[in-house]
Amino acid sequence: MKPARVVAFAVLALFSLLMLAPFLWAVNTSLKSEADASASPVTILPKGGYTWEIYARIFQMGDIPTWMVNSLIVAAGVTILTLVVSTLAGYAFSRLDFTGRKPLLALTVASIMIPGTIFIVPLFDEMLAFDMVDTYWGMILPQVVAPVMVFILKRFFDSIPRELEDAARVDGAGSFLIFLRIVLPLSRPIIAAVAIFTFVGAWNNFLWPYIVTNDPDLMTLPVGLQTVMTGFGVVFAQNMASAILAALPLIVVFLFFQRQIIKGIATTGLGGQ
């Protein structure tokens, strides 16, 4: 192996360790007792040994399986509806010529810069008006509109050769059939990347599900874990264990779909290309 490749691998390994360090520290802390986790000076290896006591306590105090199922329902619902809305909108902006196309596209791009927290109060009032508070739909629908995903998909659709669509039109295919039979199959990498990013964002979303739900049986995992956090003293081990439980499903998703994520980023130029 050439010296340059050895140096490159060493540098990459070092950066990988630096990126993994916070996660490894969280896992290590979550397996300590609260006494060892809050001891001073801080030690890597706990004096009392590792224990699953904190995880067992969290499962006893909260309904983790129900919260995980709720998070899965909400995240899957948001992902599916976002894909439907964003792919159709992205294709319309990319290929269809309709009145007001350019102003609508400019408005969509400009809305990316608007913080989502600004809409919380009117969205909550709307959910009250439609009687969607404490419902799955109340958590899902406000998260469906994703201007950044529309813009990303539009840019990808722009790169698809128009000759393919022209050939399909010669055979009598309409715009919707072209979208289903030609554009979507060619867009699998970007669609997979958008789906994964949307799923992760919906799974991690704490603020909106926290605001729109009061029923413990409908709480998502990030919201539910907050209900088992004690308000007395600093609970480092419990905080870290809660974070690990919330992140564990996302780690599994990444391990299964990491190729699609990397391919989607490389294909769409999200990596800075």
C-alpha atoms as a PDB file:
ATOM      1  CA  MET A   1       0.000   0.000   0.000  1.00  0.00           C
ATOM      2  CA  LYS A   2       1.286   3.437  -0.935  1.00  0.00           C
ATOM      3  CA  PRO A   3       2.314   5.785   1.913  1.00  0.00           C
ATOM      4  CA  ALA A   4      -0.243   8.360   0.749  1.00  0.00           C
ATOM      5  CA  ARG A   5      -3.078   5.815   1.112  1.00  0.00           C
ATOM      6  CA  VAL A   6      -1.821   4.807   4.549  1.00  0.00           C
ATOM      7  CA  VAL A   7      -1.849   8.448   5.672  1.00  0.00           C
ATOM      8  CA  ALA A   8      -5.313   8.952   4.169  1.00  0.00           C
ATOM      9  CA  PHE A   9      -6.709   5.898   5.969  1.00  0.00           C
ATOM     10  CA  ALA A  10      -5.095   7.008   9.240  1.00  0.00           C
ATOM     11  CA  VAL A  11      -6.615  10.481   8.957  1.00  0.00           C
ATOM     12  CA  LEU A  12     -10.044   9.048   8.115  1.00  0.00           C
ATOM     13  CA  ALA A  13      -9.818   6.613  11.029  1.00  0.00           C
ATOM     14  CA  LEU A  14      -8.935   9.472  13.365  1.00  0.00           C
ATOM     15  CA  PHE A  15     -11.885  11.551  12.203  1.00  0.00           C
ATOM     16  CA  SER A  16     -14.147   8.507  12.535  1.00  0.00           C
ATOM     17  CA  LEU A  17     -13.081   8.052  16.144  1.00  0.00           C
ATOM     18  CA  LEU A  18     -13.662  11.739  16.822  1.00  0.00           C
ATOM     19  CA  MET A  19     -17.165  11.479  15.356  1.00  0.00           C
ATOM     20  CA  LEU A  20     -17.926   8.331  17.362  1.00  0.00           C
ATOM     21  CA  ALA A  21     -16.504   9.659  20.628  1.00  0.00           C
ATOM     22  CA  PRO A  22     -19.714  11.427  21.833  1.00  0.00           C
ATOM     23  CA  PHE A  23     -21.841   8.356  21.066  1.00  0.00           C
ATOM     24  CA  LEU A  24     -19.406   5.993  22.789  1.00  0.00           C
ATOM     25  CA  TRP A  25     -19.279   8.338  25.793  1.00  0.00           C
ATOM     26  CA  ALA A  26     -23.090   8.355  25.959  1.00  0.00           C
ATOM     27  CA  VAL A  27     -23.221   4.538  25.850  1.00  0.00           C
ATOM     28  CA  ASN A  28     -20.531   4.290  28.508  1.00  0.00           C
ATOM     29  CA  THR A  29     -22.314   6.760  30.793  1.00  0.00           C
ATOM     30  CA  SER A  30     -25.707   5.084  30.319  1.00  0.00           C
ATOM     31  CA  LEU A  31     -24.273   1.801  31.618  1.00  0.00           C
ATOM     32  CA  LYS A  32     -23.073   3.374  34.861  1.00  0.00           C
ATOM     33  CA  SER A  33     -24.999   3.853  38.064  1.00  0.00           C
ATOM     34  CA  GLU A  34     -26.075   7.422  38.815  1.00  0.00           C
ATOM     35  CA  ALA A  35     -23.461   7.601  41.579  1.00  0.00           C
ATOM     36  CA  ASP A  36     -20.651   6.620  39.199  1.00  0.00           C
ATOM     37  CA  ALA A  37     -21.963   8.839  36.396  1.00  0.00           C
ATOM     38  CA  SER A  38     -22.020  11.932  38.620  1.00  0.00           C
ATOM     39  CA  ALA A  39     -18.797  11.145  40.496  1.00  0.00           C
ATOM     40  CA  SER A  40     -15.954  13.662  40.456  1.00  0.00           C
ATOM     41  CA  PRO A  41     -13.416  13.376  38.956  1.00  0.00           C
ATOM     42  CA  VAL A  42     -15.009  11.725  35.946  1.00  0.00           C
ATOM     43  CA  THR A  43     -13.723   8.239  35.163  1.00  0.00           C
ATOM     44  CA  ILE A  44     -14.190   6.140  32.068  1.00  0.00           C
ATOM     45  CA  LEU A  45     -14.509   2.836  33.894  1.00  0.00           C
ATOM     46  CA  PRO A  46     -17.096   2.938  36.727  1.00  0.00           C
ATOM     47  CA  LYS A  47     -15.939   1.860  40.166  1.00  0.00           C
ATOM     48  CA  GLY A  48     -19.118  -0.113  40.743  1.00  0.00           C
ATOM     49  CA  GLY A  49     -18.995  -1.810  37.343  1.00  0.00           C
ATOM     50  CA  TYR A  50     -21.392  -1.572  34.452  1.00  0.00           C
ATOM     51  CA  THR A  51     -25.093  -2.118  35.012  1.00  0.00           C
ATOM     52  CA  TRP A  52     -28.381  -2.188  33.077  1.00  0.00           C
ATOM     53  CA  GLU A  53     -30.176  -0.668  36.061  1.00  0.00           C
ATOM     54  CA  ILE A  54     -30.892   2.680  34.371  1.00  0.00           C
ATOM     55  CA  TYR A  55     -32.411   1.066  31.277  1.00  0.00           C
ATOM     56  CA  ALA A  56     -34.569  -1.201  33.453  1.00  0.00           C
ATOM     57  CA  ARG A  57     -35.754   1.832  35.442  1.00  0.00           C
ATOM     58  CA  ILE A  58     -36.724   3.727  32.277  1.00  0.00           C
ATOM     59  CA  PHE A  59     -38.740   0.758  30.989  1.00  0.00           C
ATOM     60  CA  GLN A  60     -40.478   0.465  34.362  1.00  0.00           C
ATOM     61  CA  MET A  61     -41.325   4.167  34.515  1.00  0.00           C
ATOM     62  CA  GLY A  62     -42.531   4.554  30.931  1.00  0.00           C
ATOM     63  CA  ASP A  63     -44.375   2.677  28.195  1.00  0.00           C
ATOM     64  CA  ILE A  64     -41.419   2.445  25.807  1.00  0.00           C
ATOM     65  CA  PRO A  65     -42.956  -0.097  23.345  1.00  0.00           C
ATOM     66  CA  THR A  66     -46.101   2.020  22.874  1.00  0.00           C
ATOM     67  CA  TRP A  67     -44.059   5.187  22.367  1.00  0.00           C
ATOM     68  CA  MET A  68     -41.849   3.426  19.821  1.00  0.00           C
ATOM     69  CA  VAL A  69     -44.910   2.236  17.886  1.00  0.00           C
ATOM     70  CA  ASN A  70     -46.340   5.765  17.948  1.00  0.00           C
ATOM     71  CA  SER A  71     -43.049   7.195  16.681  1.00  0.00           C
ATOM     72  CA  LEU A  72     -42.972   4.588  13.921  1.00  0.00           C
ATOM     73  CA  ILE A  73     -46.564   5.386  12.854  1.00  0.00           C
ATOM     74  CA  VAL A  74     -45.933   9.142  12.838  1.00  0.00           C
ATOM     75  CA  ALA A  75     -42.530   8.949  11.135  1.00  0.00           C
ATOM     76  CA  ALA A  76     -43.780   6.497   8.495  1.00  0.00           C
ATOM     77  CA  GLY A  77     -46.905   8.586   7.842  1.00  0.00           C
ATOM     78  CA  VAL A  78     -44.886  11.790   7.497  1.00  0.00           C
ATOM     79  CA  THR A  79     -42.376  10.063   5.201  1.00  0.00           C
ATOM     80  CA  ILE A  80     -44.976   8.562   2.856  1.00  0.00           C
ATOM     81  CA  LEU A  81     -47.063  11.727   2.543  1.00  0.00           C
ATOM     82  CA  THR A  82     -43.970  13.930   2.175  1.00  0.00           C
ATOM     83  CA  LEU A  83     -42.723  11.738  -0.663  1.00  0.00           C
ATOM     84  CA  VAL A  84     -46.092  11.914  -2.434  1.00  0.00           C
ATOM     85  CA  VAL A  85     -46.404  15.689  -2.084  1.00  0.00           C
ATOM     86  CA  SER A  86     -42.747  16.519  -2.736  1.00  0.00           C
ATOM     87  CA  THR A  87     -42.275  14.287  -5.788  1.00  0.00           C
ATOM     88  CA  LEU A  88     -45.440  15.596  -7.441  1.00  0.00           C
ATOM     89  CA  ALA A  89     -44.566  19.222  -6.643  1.00  0.00           C
ATOM     90  CA  GLY A  90     -40.933  18.769  -7.697  1.00  0.00           C
ATOM     91  CA  TYR A  91     -41.964  17.214 -11.015  1.00  0.00           C
ATOM     92  CA  ALA A  92     -44.500  19.966 -11.661  1.00  0.00           C
ATOM     93  CA  PHE A  93     -41.897  22.673 -11.060  1.00  0.00           C
ATOM     94  CA  SER A  94     -39.356  20.828 -13.207  1.00  0.00           C
ATOM     95  CA  ARG A  95     -41.412  19.795 -16.225  1.00  0.00           C
ATOM     96  CA  LEU A  96     -44.844  21.444 -16.347  1.00  0.00           C
ATOM     97  CA  ASP A  97     -45.394  24.946 -17.681  1.00  0.00           C
ATOM     98  CA  PHE A  98     -48.276  26.522 -15.796  1.00  0.00           C
ATOM     99  CA  THR A  99     -49.337  30.019 -14.800  1.00  0.00           C
ATOM    100  CA  GLY A 100     -47.473  31.309 -11.758  1.00  0.00           C
ATOM    101  CA  ARG A 101     -44.804  28.587 -11.883  1.00  0.00           C
ATOM    102  CA  LYS A 102     -41.820  30.879 -11.316  1.00  0.00           C
ATOM    103  CA  PRO A 103     -43.380  32.916  -8.447  1.00  0.00           C
ATOM    104  CA  LEU A 104     -44.522  29.700  -6.740  1.00  0.00           C
ATOM    105  CA  LEU A 105     -41.057  28.182  -7.083  1.00  0.00           C
ATOM    106  CA  ALA A 106     -39.474  31.350  -5.700  1.00  0.00           C
ATOM    107  CA  LEU A 107     -41.938  31.305  -2.806  1.00  0.00           C
ATOM    108  CA  THR A 108     -41.119  27.635  -2.126  1.00  0.00           C
ATOM    109  CA  VAL A 109     -37.384  28.315  -2.054  1.00  0.00           C
ATOM    110  CA  ALA A 110     -37.867  31.428   0.116  1.00  0.00           C
ATOM    111  CA  SER A 111     -39.963  29.439   2.621  1.00  0.00           C
ATOM    112  CA  ILE A 112     -36.918  27.271   3.356  1.00  0.00           C
ATOM    113  CA  MET A 113     -35.429  30.241   5.202  1.00  0.00           C
ATOM    114  CA  ILE A 114     -38.483  30.688   7.477  1.00  0.00           C
ATOM    115  CA  PRO A 115     -38.117  28.963  10.887  1.00  0.00           C
ATOM    116  CA  GLY A 116     -40.798  26.350  11.438  1.00  0.00           C
ATOM    117  CA  THR A 117     -41.407  27.517  15.009  1.00  0.00           C
ATOM    118  CA  ILE A 118     -43.131  30.632  13.642  1.00  0.00           C
ATOM    119  CA  PHE A 119     -46.057  28.484  12.486  1.00  0.00           C
ATOM    120  CA  ILE A 120     -46.589  26.592  15.741  1.00  0.00           C
ATOM    121  CA  VAL A 121     -49.369  28.822  17.135  1.00  0.00           C
ATOM    122  CA  PRO A 122     -51.453  29.041  13.921  1.00  0.00           C
ATOM    123  CA  LEU A 123     -50.912  25.320  13.275  1.00  0.00           C
ATOM    124  CA  PHE A 124     -52.120  24.467  16.764  1.00  0.00           C
ATOM    125  CA  ASP A 125     -55.181  26.691  16.299  1.00  0.00           C
ATOM    126  CA  GLU A 126     -55.849  24.888  13.019  1.00  0.00           C
ATOM    127  CA  MET A 127     -55.557  21.475  14.659  1.00  0.00           C
ATOM    128  CA  LEU A 128     -58.027  22.630  17.321  1.00  0.00           C
ATOM    129  CA  ALA A 129     -60.445  23.838  14.655  1.00  0.00           C
ATOM    130  CA  PHE A 130     -60.304  20.473  12.860  1.00  0.00           C
ATOM    131  CA  ASP A 131     -60.427  18.509  16.134  1.00  0.00           C
ATOM    132  CA  MET A 132     -57.056  16.885  15.443  1.00  0.00           C
ATOM    133  CA  VAL A 133     -55.383  17.524  18.798  1.00  0.00           C
ATOM    134  CA  ASP A 134     -54.364  14.216  20.397  1.00  0.00           C
ATOM    135  CA  THR A 135     -54.575  12.357  17.096  1.00  0.00           C
ATOM    136  CA  TYR A 136     -52.014  10.807  14.762  1.00  0.00           C
ATOM    137  CA  TRP A 137     -53.170  13.075  11.943  1.00  0.00           C
ATOM    138  CA  GLY A 138     -52.566  16.107  14.129  1.00  0.00           C
ATOM    139  CA  MET A 139     -48.933  15.057  14.516  1.00  0.00           C
ATOM    140  CA  ILE A 140     -48.438  13.953  10.910  1.00  0.00           C
ATOM    141  CA  LEU A 141     -50.084  16.528   8.621  1.00  0.00           C
ATOM    142  CA  PRO A 142     -48.217  19.695   9.770  1.00  0.00           C
ATOM    143  CA  GLN A 143     -44.896  17.919   9.115  1.00  0.00           C
ATOM    144  CA  VAL A 144     -45.746  16.857   5.558  1.00  0.00           C
ATOM    145  CA  VAL A 145     -44.944  20.094   3.709  1.00  0.00           C
ATOM    146  CA  ALA A 146     -41.160  20.151   3.171  1.00  0.00           C
ATOM    147  CA  PRO A 147     -40.023  22.909   0.778  1.00  0.00           C
ATOM    148  CA  VAL A 148     -36.387  21.821   0.912  1.00  0.00           C
ATOM    149  CA  MET A 149     -37.330  18.313  -0.263  1.00  0.00           C
ATOM    150  CA  VAL A 150     -39.418  19.796  -3.102  1.00  0.00           C
ATOM    151  CA  PHE A 151     -36.432  21.851  -4.229  1.00  0.00           C
ATOM    152  CA  ILE A 152     -34.008  18.895  -4.020  1.00  0.00           C
ATOM    153  CA  LEU A 153     -36.324  16.667  -6.042  1.00  0.00           C
ATOM    154  CA  LYS A 154     -36.943  19.423  -8.574  1.00  0.00           C
ATOM    155  CA  ARG A 155     -33.200  19.808  -9.145  1.00  0.00           C
ATOM    156  CA  PHE A 156     -32.845  16.075  -9.641  1.00  0.00           C
ATOM    157  CA  PHE A 157     -35.759  15.907 -12.086  1.00  0.00           C
ATOM    158  CA  ASP A 158     -34.086  18.727 -14.056  1.00  0.00           C
ATOM    159  CA  SER A 159     -31.121  16.407 -14.691  1.00  0.00           C
ATOM    160  CA  ILE A 160     -33.247  13.665 -16.288  1.00  0.00           C
ATOM    161  CA  PRO A 161     -32.942  13.869 -20.105  1.00  0.00           C
ATOM    162  CA  ARG A 162     -36.096  15.250 -21.681  1.00  0.00           C
ATOM    163  CA  GLU A 163     -35.546  12.977 -24.690  1.00  0.00           C
ATOM    164  CA  LEU A 164     -36.811  10.047 -22.604  1.00  0.00           C
ATOM    165  CA  GLU A 165     -40.082  11.836 -21.942  1.00  0.00           C
ATOM    166  CA  ASP A 166     -40.391  12.978 -25.558  1.00  0.00           C
ATOM    167  CA  ALA A 167     -40.040   9.371 -26.707  1.00  0.00           C
ATOM    168  CA  ALA A 168     -42.754   8.304 -24.260  1.00  0.00           C
ATOM    169  CA  ARG A 169     -45.081  11.049 -25.519  1.00  0.00           C
ATOM    170  CA  VAL A 170     -44.595   9.813 -29.075  1.00  0.00           C
ATOM    171  CA  ASP A 171     -45.921   6.450 -27.839  1.00  0.00           C
ATOM    172  CA  GLY A 172     -48.970   8.213 -26.408  1.00  0.00           C
ATOM    173  CA  ALA A 173     -48.005   8.504 -22.722  1.00  0.00           C
ATOM    174  CA  GLY A 174     -49.290  11.449 -20.729  1.00  0.00           C
ATOM    175  CA  SER A 175     -47.460  13.466 -18.083  1.00  0.00           C
ATOM    176  CA  PHE A 176     -48.687  11.392 -15.140  1.00  0.00           C
ATOM    177  CA  LEU A 177     -47.831   8.086 -16.821  1.00  0.00           C
ATOM    178  CA  ILE A 178     -44.372   9.430 -17.707  1.00  0.00           C
ATOM    179  CA  PHE A 179     -43.948  10.464 -14.086  1.00  0.00           C
ATOM    180  CA  LEU A 180     -44.869   6.985 -12.830  1.00  0.00           C
ATOM    181  CA  ARG A 181     -43.140   4.820 -15.457  1.00  0.00           C
ATOM    182  CA  ILE A 182     -40.007   6.836 -16.291  1.00  0.00           C
ATOM    183  CA  VAL A 183     -39.220   9.589 -13.793  1.00  0.00           C
ATOM    184  CA  LEU A 184     -39.834   7.706 -10.533  1.00  0.00           C
ATOM    185  CA  PRO A 185     -37.812   4.579 -11.479  1.00  0.00           C
ATOM    186  CA  LEU A 186     -34.877   6.790 -12.508  1.00  0.00           C
ATOM    187  CA  SER A 187     -35.170   8.738  -9.250  1.00  0.00           C
ATOM    188  CA  ARG A 188     -34.846   5.854  -6.790  1.00  0.00           C
ATOM    189  CA  PRO A 189     -31.552   7.044  -5.226  1.00  0.00           C
ATOM    190  CA  ILE A 190     -32.803  10.551  -4.451  1.00  0.00           C
ATOM    191  CA  ILE A 191     -36.224   9.288  -3.353  1.00  0.00           C
ATOM    192  CA  ALA A 192     -34.522   6.854  -0.945  1.00  0.00           C
ATOM    193  CA  ALA A 193     -32.330   9.635   0.436  1.00  0.00           C
ATOM    194  CA  VAL A 194     -35.294  12.008   0.875  1.00  0.00           C
ATOM    195  CA  ALA A 195     -37.307   9.238   2.544  1.00  0.00           C
ATOM    196  CA  ILE A 196     -34.551   8.443   5.032  1.00  0.00           C
ATOM    197  CA  PHE A 197     -33.848  12.087   5.888  1.00  0.00           C
ATOM    198  CA  THR A 198     -37.580  12.748   6.317  1.00  0.00           C
ATOM    199  CA  PHE A 199     -38.019   9.662   8.500  1.00  0.00           C
ATOM    200  CA  VAL A 200     -35.109  10.653  10.733  1.00  0.00           C
ATOM    201  CA  GLY A 201     -36.400  14.215  11.071  1.00  0.00           C
ATOM    202  CA  ALA A 202     -39.924  13.057  11.924  1.00  0.00           C
ATOM    203  CA  TRP A 203     -38.632  10.470  14.417  1.00  0.00           C
ATOM    204  CA  ASN A 204     -36.493  13.058  16.215  1.00  0.00           C
ATOM    205  CA  ASN A 205     -39.143  15.783  16.184  1.00  0.00           C
ATOM    206  CA  PHE A 206     -39.937  16.650  19.781  1.00  0.00           C
ATOM    207  CA  LEU A 207     -41.533  20.104  19.812  1.00  0.00           C
ATOM    208  CA  TRP A 208     -44.620  19.601  17.634  1.00  0.00           C
ATOM    209  CA  PRO A 209     -45.700  16.176  19.038  1.00  0.00           C
ATOM    210  CA  TYR A 210     -45.110  17.592  22.526  1.00  0.00           C
ATOM    211  CA  ILE A 211     -47.427  20.532  21.822  1.00  0.00           C
ATOM    212  CA  VAL A 212     -50.213  18.679  20.017  1.00  0.00           C
ATOM    213  CA  THR A 213     -50.492  15.589  22.271  1.00  0.00           C
ATOM    214  CA  ASN A 214     -51.528  15.206  25.897  1.00  0.00           C
ATOM    215  CA  ASP A 215     -52.598  11.558  25.824  1.00  0.00           C
ATOM    216  CA  PRO A 216     -49.757   9.298  27.126  1.00  0.00           C
ATOM    217  CA  ASP A 217     -50.943   6.528  24.793  1.00  0.00           C
ATOM    218  CA  LEU A 218     -50.257   8.760  21.770  1.00  0.00           C
ATOM    219  CA  MET A 219     -46.900  10.167  22.820  1.00  0.00           C
ATOM    220  CA  THR A 220     -43.925   9.602  20.548  1.00  0.00           C
ATOM    221  CA  LEU A 221     -40.676   8.268  21.975  1.00  0.00           C
ATOM    222  CA  PRO A 222     -38.866  11.653  22.360  1.00  0.00           C
ATOM    223  CA  VAL A 223     -41.926  13.099  24.112  1.00  0.00           C
ATOM    224  CA  GLY A 224     -42.575  10.053  26.265  1.00  0.00           C
ATOM    225  CA  LEU A 225     -38.988   9.814  27.466  1.00  0.00           C
ATOM    226  CA  GLN A 226     -39.265  13.332  28.855  1.00  0.00           C
ATOM    227  CA  THR A 227     -42.072  12.199  31.166  1.00  0.00           C
ATOM    228  CA  VAL A 228     -39.788   9.724  32.919  1.00  0.00           C
ATOM    229  CA  MET A 229     -37.049  12.276  33.560  1.00  0.00           C
ATOM    230  CA  THR A 230     -36.886  13.149  37.220  1.00  0.00           C
ATOM    231  CA  GLY A 231     -36.783  16.784  38.240  1.00  0.00           C
ATOM    232  CA  PHE A 232     -34.544  16.281  41.240  1.00  0.00           C
ATOM    233  CA  GLY A 233     -30.809  16.629  40.781  1.00  0.00           C
ATOM    234  CA  VAL A 234     -28.667  15.841  37.769  1.00  0.00           C
ATOM    235  CA  VAL A 235     -29.285  12.399  36.255  1.00  0.00           C
ATOM    236  CA  PHE A 236     -26.485  11.936  33.744  1.00  0.00           C
ATOM    237  CA  ALA A 237     -26.908   8.188  33.291  1.00  0.00           C
ATOM    238  CA  GLN A 238     -30.674   8.427  32.807  1.00  0.00           C
ATOM    239  CA  ASN A 239     -30.322  11.257  30.293  1.00  0.00           C
ATOM    240  CA  MET A 240     -27.778   9.301  28.299  1.00  0.00           C
ATOM    241  CA  ALA A 241     -29.827   6.098  28.416  1.00  0.00           C
ATOM    242  CA  SER A 242     -32.889   7.983  27.154  1.00  0.00           C
ATOM    243  CA  ALA A 243     -30.870   9.453  24.302  1.00  0.00           C
ATOM    244  CA  ILE A 244     -29.532   6.013  23.337  1.00  0.00           C
ATOM    245  CA  LEU A 245     -33.044   4.513  23.327  1.00  0.00           C
ATOM    246  CA  ALA A 246     -34.307   7.338  21.115  1.00  0.00           C
ATOM    247  CA  ALA A 247     -31.373   7.020  18.694  1.00  0.00           C
ATOM    248  CA  LEU A 248     -31.222   3.219  18.501  1.00  0.00           C
ATOM    249  CA  PRO A 249     -33.928   2.773  15.812  1.00  0.00           C
ATOM    250  CA  LEU A 250     -32.273   5.459  13.681  1.00  0.00           C
ATOM    251  CA  ILE A 251     -28.935   3.680  13.944  1.00  0.00           C
ATOM    252  CA  VAL A 252     -30.604   0.504  12.682  1.00  0.00           C
ATOM    253  CA  VAL A 253     -32.179   2.445   9.791  1.00  0.00           C
ATOM    254  CA  PHE A 254     -28.813   3.907   8.857  1.00  0.00           C
ATOM    255  CA  LEU A 255     -27.061   0.535   8.990  1.00  0.00           C
ATOM    256  CA  PHE A 256     -29.635  -0.958   6.612  1.00  0.00           C
ATOM    257  CA  PHE A 257     -29.862   1.999   4.224  1.00  0.00           C
ATOM    258  CA  GLN A 258     -26.423   3.619   4.377  1.00  0.00           C
ATOM    259  CA  ARG A 259     -25.725   2.800   0.724  1.00  0.00           C
ATOM    260  CA  GLN A 260     -28.920   4.540  -0.376  1.00  0.00           C
ATOM    261  CA  ILE A 261     -28.071   7.578   1.750  1.00  0.00           C
ATOM    262  CA  ILE A 262     -24.560   7.890   0.312  1.00  0.00           C
ATOM    263  CA  LYS A 263     -25.749   7.227  -3.244  1.00  0.00           C
ATOM    264  CA  GLY A 264     -28.538   9.769  -2.895  1.00  0.00           C
ATOM    265  CA  ILE A 265     -26.165  12.452  -1.603  1.00  0.00           C
ATOM    266  CA  ALA A 266     -23.648  11.760  -4.361  1.00  0.00           C
ATOM    267  CA  THR A 267     -26.320  11.690  -7.062  1.00  0.00           C
ATOM    268  CA  THR A 268     -28.045  14.939  -6.096  1.00  0.00           C
ATOM    269  CA  GLY A 269     -25.002  17.002  -5.303  1.00  0.00           C
ATOM    270  CA  LEU A 270     -25.958  17.454  -1.652  1.00  0.00           C
ATOM    271  CA  GLY A 271     -22.335  16.756  -0.806  1.00  0.00           C
ATOM    272  CA  GLY A 272     -21.311  20.118  -2.269  1.00  0.00           C
ATOM    273  CA  GLN A 273     -20.910  19.081  -5.901  1.00  0.00           C
END
